C-alpha atoms as a PDB file:
ATOM      1  CA  UNK A   1      -7.596-128.300-104.293  1.00  0.00           C
ATOM      2  CA  UNK A   2     -10.716-129.624-106.046  1.00  0.00           C
ATOM      3  CA  UNK A   3      -9.790-131.945-108.871  1.00  0.00           C
ATOM      4  CA  UNK A   4     -11.594-134.206-111.254  1.00  0.00           C
ATOM      5  CA  UNK A   5     -10.134-137.018-113.346  1.00  0.00           C
ATOM      6  CA  UNK A   6     -10.724-136.015-116.981  1.00  0.00           C
ATOM      7  CA  UNK A   7      -8.607-138.530-118.861  1.00  0.00           C
ATOM      8  CA  UNK A   8      -6.181-141.422-118.726  1.00  0.00           C
ATOM      9  CA  UNK A   9      -3.509-142.285-121.273  1.00  0.00           C
ATOM     10  CA  UNK A  10      -1.738-145.656-121.398  1.00  0.00           C
ATOM     11  CA  UNK A  11       1.517-146.972-122.805  1.00  0.00           C
ATOM     12  CA  UNK A  12       2.335-150.587-122.081  1.00  0.00           C
ATOM     13  CA  UNK A  13       1.586-150.906-118.336  1.00  0.00           C
ATOM     14  CA  UNK A  14       2.237-147.232-117.534  1.00  0.00           C
ATOM     15  CA  UNK A  15      -0.535-144.655-117.194  1.00  0.00           C
ATOM     16  CA  UNK A  16      -0.896-140.901-117.149  1.00  0.00           C
ATOM     17  CA  UNK A  17      -3.928-139.626-115.266  1.00  0.00           C
ATOM     18  CA  UNK A  18      -5.042-136.097-116.122  1.00  0.00           C
ATOM     19  CA  UNK A  19      -6.894-134.132-113.460  1.00  0.00           C
ATOM     20  CA  UNK A  20      -8.690-130.836-113.996  1.00  0.00           C
ATOM     21  CA  UNK A  21      -8.101-128.578-111.014  1.00  0.00           C
ATOM     22  CA  UNK A  22     -10.264-125.742-109.759  1.00  0.00           C
ATOM     23  CA  UNK A  23      -8.539-123.031-111.829  1.00  0.00           C
ATOM     24  CA  UNK A  24      -9.688-122.843-115.462  1.00  0.00           C
ATOM     25  CA  UNK A  25      -7.111-124.140-117.939  1.00  0.00           C
ATOM     26  CA  UNK A  26      -4.953-125.860-115.314  1.00  0.00           C
ATOM     27  CA  UNK A  27      -4.381-129.577-115.180  1.00  0.00           C
ATOM     28  CA  UNK A  28      -2.290-131.957-113.083  1.00  0.00           C
ATOM     29  CA  UNK A  29      -0.818-135.062-114.707  1.00  0.00           C
ATOM     30  CA  UNK A  30       0.161-138.036-112.558  1.00  0.00           C
ATOM     31  CA  UNK A  31       2.355-140.629-114.260  1.00  0.00           C
ATOM     32  CA  UNK A  32       2.105-144.131-112.740  1.00  0.00           C
ATOM     33  CA  UNK A  33       4.277-147.223-113.085  1.00  0.00           C
ATOM     34  CA  UNK A  34       2.864-150.743-113.691  1.00  0.00           C
ATOM     35  CA  UNK A  35       2.312-151.187-109.935  1.00  0.00           C
ATOM     36  CA  UNK A  36       0.166-148.039-109.832  1.00  0.00           C
ATOM     37  CA  UNK A  37       2.739-145.995-107.912  1.00  0.00           C
ATOM     38  CA  UNK A  38       2.973-142.302-108.813  1.00  0.00           C
ATOM     39  CA  UNK A  39       6.434-141.759-110.279  1.00  0.00           C
ATOM     40  CA  UNK A  40       6.097-138.219-111.615  1.00  0.00           C
ATOM     41  CA  UNK A  41       3.684-135.286-111.483  1.00  0.00           C
ATOM     42  CA  UNK A  42       3.441-132.354-113.848  1.00  0.00           C
ATOM     43  CA  UNK A  43       1.271-129.255-114.064  1.00  0.00           C
ATOM     44  CA  UNK A  44      -0.140-128.020-117.354  1.00  0.00           C
ATOM     45  CA  UNK A  45      -1.225-124.398-117.398  1.00  0.00           C
ATOM     46  CA  UNK A  46      -2.424-121.812-119.846  1.00  0.00           C
ATOM     47  CA  UNK A  47      -4.417-124.139-122.038  1.00  0.00           C
ATOM     48  CA  UNK A  48      -8.139-124.538-122.529  1.00  0.00           C
ATOM     49  CA  UNK A  49      -7.994-128.326-122.770  1.00  0.00           C
ATOM     50  CA  UNK A  50      -5.448-130.995-121.921  1.00  0.00           C
ATOM     51  CA  UNK A  51      -6.319-132.508-125.318  1.00  0.00           C
ATOM     52  CA  UNK A  52      -4.164-129.807-126.916  1.00  0.00           C
ATOM     53  CA  UNK A  53      -1.136-131.290-125.090  1.00  0.00           C
ATOM     54  CA  UNK A  54      -2.119-134.957-125.264  1.00  0.00           C
ATOM     55  CA  UNK A  55       0.704-135.822-127.686  1.00  0.00           C
ATOM     56  CA  UNK A  56       3.246-134.239-125.311  1.00  0.00           C
ATOM     57  CA  UNK A  57       1.845-136.187-122.348  1.00  0.00           C
ATOM     58  CA  UNK A  58       1.951-139.425-124.337  1.00  0.00           C
ATOM     59  CA  UNK A  59       5.579-138.844-125.411  1.00  0.00           C
ATOM     60  CA  UNK A  60       6.593-138.383-121.769  1.00  0.00           C
ATOM     61  CA  UNK A  61       4.662-141.512-120.807  1.00  0.00           C
ATOM     62  CA  UNK A  62       6.504-143.506-123.498  1.00  0.00           C
ATOM     63  CA  UNK A  63       9.858-142.234-122.250  1.00  0.00           C
ATOM     64  CA  UNK A  64       9.049-143.256-118.677  1.00  0.00           C
ATOM     65  CA  UNK A  65       7.880-146.687-119.864  1.00  0.00           C
ATOM     66  CA  UNK A  66      11.178-147.163-121.683  1.00  0.00           C
ATOM     67  CA  UNK A  67      13.395-146.329-118.717  1.00  0.00           C
ATOM     68  CA  UNK A  68      13.657-142.532-118.519  1.00  0.00           C
ATOM     69  CA  UNK A  69      14.274-141.261-115.004  1.00  0.00           C
ATOM     70  CA  UNK A  70      11.325-139.433-113.448  1.00  0.00           C
ATOM     71  CA  UNK A  71      11.717-135.682-113.096  1.00  0.00           C
ATOM     72  CA  UNK A  72      12.411-134.316-109.645  1.00  0.00           C
ATOM     73  CA  UNK A  73       9.235-133.029-108.006  1.00  0.00           C
ATOM     74  CA  UNK A  74       9.676-129.647-106.411  1.00  0.00           C
ATOM     75  CA  UNK A  75       8.396-129.123-102.899  1.00  0.00           C
ATOM     76  CA  UNK A  76       5.284-126.989-103.244  1.00  0.00           C
ATOM     77  CA  UNK A  77       4.458-127.155 -99.561  1.00  0.00           C
ATOM     78  CA  UNK A  78       6.055-123.860 -98.450  1.00  0.00           C
ATOM     79  CA  UNK A  79       4.320-120.912-100.047  1.00  0.00           C
ATOM     80  CA  UNK A  80       6.365-118.475 -97.928  1.00  0.00           C
ATOM     81  CA  UNK A  81       9.148-118.312-100.509  1.00  0.00           C
ATOM     82  CA  UNK A  82       6.994-116.723-103.231  1.00  0.00           C
END
């Protein structure tokens, strides 16, 4: 998967890195704790720019910074179930 970092949002010592992936209008967001460890990943699809969802990303980042539990990441490794 070709990706390119297109933006980073910050709240306190937490960050959300937004990556553009090879499919148009699809982005991957990686939320990181103060130590730089990835604590949650999310996919954004069906939009022309992540900027249209920046407020949503920032709200999630704030929640994580203030103690919200990270969402469970689904295992996307087995494509045989589709």
